[in-house]
Protein backbone atom coordinates (compact mmCIF):
# COMPACT_ATOMS: atom_id res chain seq x y z
CA MET A 1 70.29 4.39 1.21
CA ASN A 2 70.74 1.37 -1.04
CA LEU A 3 68.33 0.45 -3.75
CA ASN A 4 66.83 -2.48 -1.86
CA THR A 5 65.95 -0.28 1.11
CA TYR A 6 64.57 2.46 -1.10
CA ASN A 7 62.21 -0.01 -2.84
CA LYS A 8 61.07 -1.37 0.52
CA LEU A 9 60.34 2.18 1.76
CA LYS A 10 58.58 3.07 -1.46
CA SER A 11 56.43 -0.10 -1.19
CA PHE A 12 55.62 0.76 2.44
CA ILE A 13 54.54 4.27 1.60
CA SER A 14 52.44 3.15 -1.34
CA SER A 15 50.83 0.54 0.81
CA ARG A 16 50.06 3.11 3.62
CA LYS A 17 48.52 5.37 0.71
CA ASN A 18 46.35 2.62 -0.52
CA ILE A 19 45.14 1.67 3.00
CA LEU A 20 44.39 5.39 3.62
CA ILE A 21 42.41 5.70 0.37
CA LEU A 22 40.46 2.56 1.09
CA PHE A 23 39.82 3.84 4.67
CA THR A 24 38.57 7.21 3.22
CA LEU A 25 36.35 5.53 0.68
CA LEU A 26 34.96 3.35 3.33
CA LEU A 27 34.16 6.35 5.48
CA ILE A 28 32.43 8.12 2.61
CA PHE A 29 30.34 5.04 1.85
CA LEU A 30 29.35 4.75 5.48
CA PHE A 31 28.36 8.40 5.66
CA ILE A 32 26.32 8.04 2.49
CA MET A 33 24.50 4.93 3.82
CA ILE A 34 23.94 6.76 7.14
CA ILE A 35 22.30 9.63 5.28
CA ILE A 36 20.19 7.32 3.20
CA VAL A 37 18.96 5.33 6.37
CA LEU A 38 18.29 8.61 8.19
CA ASN A 39 16.45 10.03 5.20
CA SER A 40 14.27 6.82 4.94
CA LEU A 41 13.38 6.78 8.61
CA ASN A 42 12.48 10.42 8.41
CA ASN A 43 10.24 9.77 5.32
CA ARG A 44 8.50 6.95 7.21
CA LYS A 45 8.11 9.15 10.22
CA LYS A 46 6.39 11.68 7.99
CA ILE A 47 3.89 9.02 7.12
CA ASP A 48 2.81 8.66 10.73
CA ILE A 49 2.60 12.40 11.15
CA ASN A 50 0.57 12.88 8.04
CA SER A 51 -1.85 10.07 8.87
CA ASN A 52 -2.40 11.53 12.27
CA ASN A 53 -2.83 15.08 10.85
CA TYR A 54 -5.55 13.96 8.43
CA ARG A 55 -7.17 11.75 10.93
CA ASN A 56 -7.40 14.53 13.44
CA ASN A 57 -8.71 16.81 10.65
CA VAL A 58 -11.99 14.93 10.44
CA ARG A 59 -14.25 13.04 12.79
CA ILE A 60 -14.40 9.48 11.76
CA LYS A 61 -17.42 7.67 13.24
CA ILE A 62 -18.08 3.96 12.90
CA ASN A 63 -21.81 3.24 12.86
CA LYS A 64 -21.96 0.27 15.23
CA ASP A 65 -25.74 0.42 15.71
CA ASP A 66 -26.30 -0.33 11.98
CA GLU A 67 -26.34 -3.90 10.61
CA PHE A 68 -23.21 -2.95 8.76
CA PRO A 69 -20.34 -0.89 10.35
CA TYR A 70 -20.22 1.98 7.89
CA MET A 71 -17.38 4.54 8.17
CA ASN A 72 -18.81 8.13 8.42
CA LEU A 73 -16.47 11.11 7.70
CA ASP A 74 -16.34 14.32 5.79
CA VAL A 75 -14.22 13.63 2.61
CA LEU A 76 -14.98 17.11 1.34
CA LYS A 77 -13.14 18.64 4.32
CA LEU A 78 -10.19 16.47 3.40
CA LYS A 79 -10.23 17.58 -0.14
CA LYS A 80 -9.52 21.15 1.13
CA LYS A 81 -6.10 19.98 2.31
CA ASN A 82 -5.44 17.85 -0.84
CA LYS A 83 -7.92 17.98 -3.77
CA ASP A 84 -6.65 14.52 -4.90
CA ILE A 85 -8.13 12.82 -1.91
CA ILE A 86 -11.24 10.72 -2.94
CA GLY A 87 -11.84 8.69 0.17
CA TRP A 88 -10.79 6.86 3.29
CA LEU A 89 -9.72 3.22 3.35
CA ARG A 90 -9.79 1.28 6.63
CA VAL A 91 -8.73 -2.39 7.19
CA PRO A 92 -9.30 -2.67 10.99
CA SER A 93 -7.79 -6.13 11.49
CA VAL A 94 -4.33 -4.94 10.23
CA ASN A 95 -4.60 -1.28 11.42
CA ILE A 96 -4.79 0.26 7.99
CA ASP A 97 -6.55 3.51 8.37
CA ILE A 98 -5.69 6.14 5.83
CA PRO A 99 -6.89 8.84 3.33
CA VAL A 100 -6.65 7.80 -0.33
CA PRO A 101 -5.83 10.10 -3.20
CA GLN A 102 -6.25 9.56 -6.97
CA THR A 103 -4.52 11.46 -9.74
CA ASN A 104 -4.22 11.24 -13.57
CA ASN A 105 -1.24 8.75 -13.51
CA ASN A 106 -0.14 5.90 -11.37
CA GLU A 107 3.37 7.12 -10.80
CA PHE A 108 2.99 10.31 -8.69
CA TYR A 109 2.17 8.80 -5.36
CA LEU A 110 4.87 6.22 -5.65
CA THR A 111 7.28 8.96 -4.73
CA HIS A 112 5.11 11.47 -3.03
CA ASP A 113 3.24 11.71 0.29
CA ILE A 114 -0.38 12.78 0.86
CA ASP A 115 0.93 16.39 1.07
CA LYS A 116 2.34 16.01 -2.43
CA LYS A 117 5.90 16.30 -1.10
CA ASN A 118 8.76 14.16 -2.33
CA ASN A 119 8.93 10.95 -0.27
CA ASP A 120 10.32 7.65 -1.43
CA ALA A 121 7.76 5.98 0.93
CA GLY A 122 4.95 7.11 -1.29
CA TRP A 123 1.31 6.81 -0.38
CA VAL A 124 -1.67 4.35 -0.88
CA PHE A 125 -3.50 5.61 -3.96
CA LEU A 126 -6.49 4.56 -6.31
CA ASP A 127 -5.80 3.44 -9.88
CA THR A 128 -6.30 6.25 -12.28
CA ARG A 129 -8.63 4.14 -14.37
CA ASN A 130 -11.33 3.80 -11.73
CA LYS A 131 -14.31 5.94 -11.57
CA LEU A 132 -16.11 6.65 -8.40
CA ASP A 133 -19.29 8.27 -9.63
CA TYR A 134 -20.24 4.60 -9.99
CA ILE A 135 -18.33 1.62 -8.61
CA ASP A 136 -16.33 -0.35 -11.20
CA MET A 137 -16.49 -4.13 -11.07
CA ASN A 138 -12.84 -4.02 -9.86
CA THR A 139 -11.52 -0.95 -7.91
CA VAL A 140 -7.66 -1.10 -7.53
CA PHE A 141 -5.54 0.43 -4.85
CA TYR A 142 -1.67 0.25 -4.82
CA GLY A 143 0.78 0.95 -1.95
CA HIS A 144 4.34 0.39 -0.96
CA ASN A 145 5.46 -2.59 1.24
CA LEU A 146 6.55 -0.50 4.24
CA LYS A 147 7.44 -2.12 7.58
CA ASN A 148 4.39 -1.60 9.98
CA ARG A 149 2.96 1.08 7.73
CA GLN A 150 0.50 1.45 4.79
CA PHE A 151 0.25 -1.70 2.72
CA GLY A 152 3.22 -3.40 4.38
CA LEU A 153 0.58 -4.17 7.07
CA LEU A 154 -1.33 -6.34 4.62
CA LYS A 155 1.31 -9.14 5.37
CA GLN A 156 -0.41 -9.60 8.68
CA LEU A 157 -3.39 -11.18 6.86
CA LEU A 158 -1.11 -14.18 6.33
CA LYS A 159 -0.75 -14.74 10.07
CA GLU A 160 -3.21 -17.00 11.84
CA ASN A 161 -3.65 -14.84 14.86
CA VAL A 162 -5.28 -12.12 12.79
CA HIS A 163 -8.13 -14.41 11.67
CA SER A 164 -9.25 -14.79 15.22
CA LYS A 165 -10.12 -11.16 15.44
CA LYS A 166 -13.67 -9.87 15.14
CA ASN A 167 -14.42 -8.80 11.57
CA ALA A 168 -11.01 -10.04 10.43
CA ASP A 169 -12.25 -10.00 6.87
CA LEU A 170 -13.83 -6.46 7.01
CA ILE A 171 -12.69 -3.64 4.82
CA GLN A 172 -14.39 -0.10 4.93
CA PHE A 173 -14.16 2.41 2.17
CA THR A 174 -15.91 5.84 2.31
CA THR A 175 -15.94 8.34 -0.51
CA ILE A 176 -17.62 11.80 -0.86
CA ASP A 177 -21.06 10.29 -1.44
CA LYS A 178 -20.81 6.55 -0.51
CA GLN A 179 -20.08 4.47 2.40
CA MET A 180 -19.10 0.89 1.56
CA ILE A 181 -18.44 -2.37 3.42
CA PHE A 182 -16.26 -5.21 1.81
CA LYS A 183 -15.43 -8.65 2.91
CA ILE A 184 -11.98 -10.20 2.12
CA CYS A 185 -12.45 -13.22 -0.14
CA SER A 186 -8.99 -13.90 -1.45
CA VAL A 187 -5.37 -13.29 -0.48
CA TYR A 188 -2.33 -14.60 -2.48
CA ILE A 189 1.10 -13.99 -3.76
CA THR A 190 1.93 -13.60 -7.53
CA ASN A 191 4.71 -12.19 -9.73
CA ASP A 192 4.91 -8.69 -10.87
CA ASN A 193 4.79 -9.64 -14.53
CA ASN A 194 1.18 -10.85 -14.13
CA TRP A 195 -1.06 -7.85 -13.66
CA SER A 196 -4.20 -9.62 -14.73
CA TYR A 197 -5.61 -9.10 -11.17
CA THR A 198 -5.86 -5.32 -11.84
CA GLU A 199 -8.23 -5.72 -14.83
CA ILE A 200 -11.19 -3.39 -14.67
CA ASP A 201 -12.95 -3.67 -17.86
CA PHE A 202 -14.46 -7.04 -19.09
CA GLU A 203 -15.71 -7.64 -22.58
CA ASN A 204 -18.38 -10.05 -21.54
CA ASP A 205 -19.99 -11.86 -18.62
CA ASN A 206 -18.00 -15.08 -19.39
CA ARG A 207 -14.69 -13.20 -19.10
CA LYS A 208 -15.91 -11.67 -15.77
CA ALA A 209 -16.98 -15.01 -14.42
CA LEU A 210 -13.55 -16.55 -15.30
CA PHE A 211 -11.75 -13.76 -13.52
CA MET A 212 -13.85 -14.25 -10.41
CA LYS A 213 -13.17 -17.90 -10.34
CA SER A 214 -9.49 -17.40 -10.93
CA ILE A 215 -8.98 -15.08 -8.04
CA GLN A 216 -11.08 -17.15 -5.74
CA GLU A 217 -9.04 -20.22 -6.61
CA LYS A 218 -5.70 -18.41 -5.85
CA ASN A 219 -6.80 -17.69 -2.25
CA ILE A 220 -4.18 -19.16 0.35
CA ILE A 221 -6.02 -18.27 3.45
CA LYS A 222 -8.67 -20.92 4.28
CA ASN A 223 -10.76 -18.60 6.57
CA PHE A 224 -11.40 -16.31 3.59
CA ASP A 225 -12.96 -19.23 1.52
CA ARG A 226 -16.39 -18.57 3.13
CA ASN A 227 -16.78 -15.30 1.33
CA ARG A 228 -17.53 -16.81 -2.10
CA LEU A 229 -17.56 -14.78 -5.24
CA SER A 230 -19.88 -14.62 -8.16
CA SER A 231 -19.69 -12.99 -11.65
CA GLY A 232 -22.18 -10.38 -10.40
CA ASP A 233 -20.06 -9.11 -7.48
CA LYS A 234 -17.96 -6.04 -7.41
CA ILE A 235 -14.60 -6.09 -5.65
CA ILE A 236 -11.79 -4.00 -4.52
CA THR A 237 -8.03 -5.16 -4.97
CA LEU A 238 -5.29 -3.98 -2.79
CA SER A 239 -1.78 -4.64 -4.27
CA THR A 240 1.81 -4.30 -2.78
CA CYS A 241 5.27 -5.75 -3.11
CA PHE A 242 6.04 -8.95 -1.19
CA GLY A 243 9.54 -9.61 -0.17
CA ASN A 244 12.86 -7.70 -0.05
CA LEU A 245 13.70 -4.57 -2.06
CA GLY A 246 13.78 -5.40 -5.76
CA THR A 247 11.43 -8.41 -5.40
CA ASN A 248 9.26 -9.37 -8.29
CA LYS A 249 6.44 -10.69 -6.16
CA ARG A 250 3.21 -9.02 -5.20
CA LEU A 251 0.83 -9.66 -2.26
CA VAL A 252 -2.74 -9.18 -3.52
CA VAL A 253 -5.91 -8.85 -1.54
CA HIS A 254 -9.47 -8.94 -3.04
CA ALA A 255 -12.59 -8.10 -1.14
CA LYS A 256 -16.15 -8.22 -2.38
CA LEU A 257 -18.70 -5.39 -1.95
CA LEU A 258 -21.15 -6.49 0.81
CA SER A 259 -23.20 -3.37 1.33
CA ILE A 260 -23.25 0.28 0.09
CA LYS A 261 -24.96 3.32 1.57
CA ASP A 262 -25.42 6.72 -0.27
CA VAL A 263 -24.55 9.68 1.64
CA ASN A 264 -26.10 13.20 1.19
CA ILE A 265 -23.58 15.79 0.32
CA ARG A 266 -23.94 18.95 2.17
């Protein structure tokens, strides 16, 4: 074998090795991606299973005979399954219907489900700063933007067909000793470096009035303009990501307290 033939053969073998290495790496990459996708799908399936389990654990009754459709359920019974649960949140127009926990930090339920098991889909939760023995001026909920689940459903509020539904602006929130009705008054998109909408404490009435005016002016859904805000109102705020993974935008929903009913604890 002459030198020229040897070099060609060596180059061919080297090329074959490189192709084989690249092919092997590609297979490993595809395998890892399949595992990630399957794990993500499984985590989201667990959300549906958990939601149904908790919903079946209590009897949720909507009081349609009352002037306001209060949501009645035994939150204490839910706390036996998870002591972090403080209430149940329902946005009927977009099919949000879920138990809500609160813990001593705002990180835990970003990566854990309602059973406190690791889950990158997380769970909707209440801001650790909020107190429920009285209702703060701004009560803040957070949740991941999941497709057709949890706060990912809030994107439907941007669609016109949702606004034609009965009580399209209704939000119900029930705790251990309170049943509350809220009306959506503002929906908008903001950047994640602006967390002013999660402000809870206000140093004076003027600051509170400016806050209310600001969130009302940010509303991008005309149908919600009719639910006007005043400085004396109390609101809930729902916050989630908006856009693809890694986005710096947030979809924000504000709703004002319309009516509250005290519940006798057994």
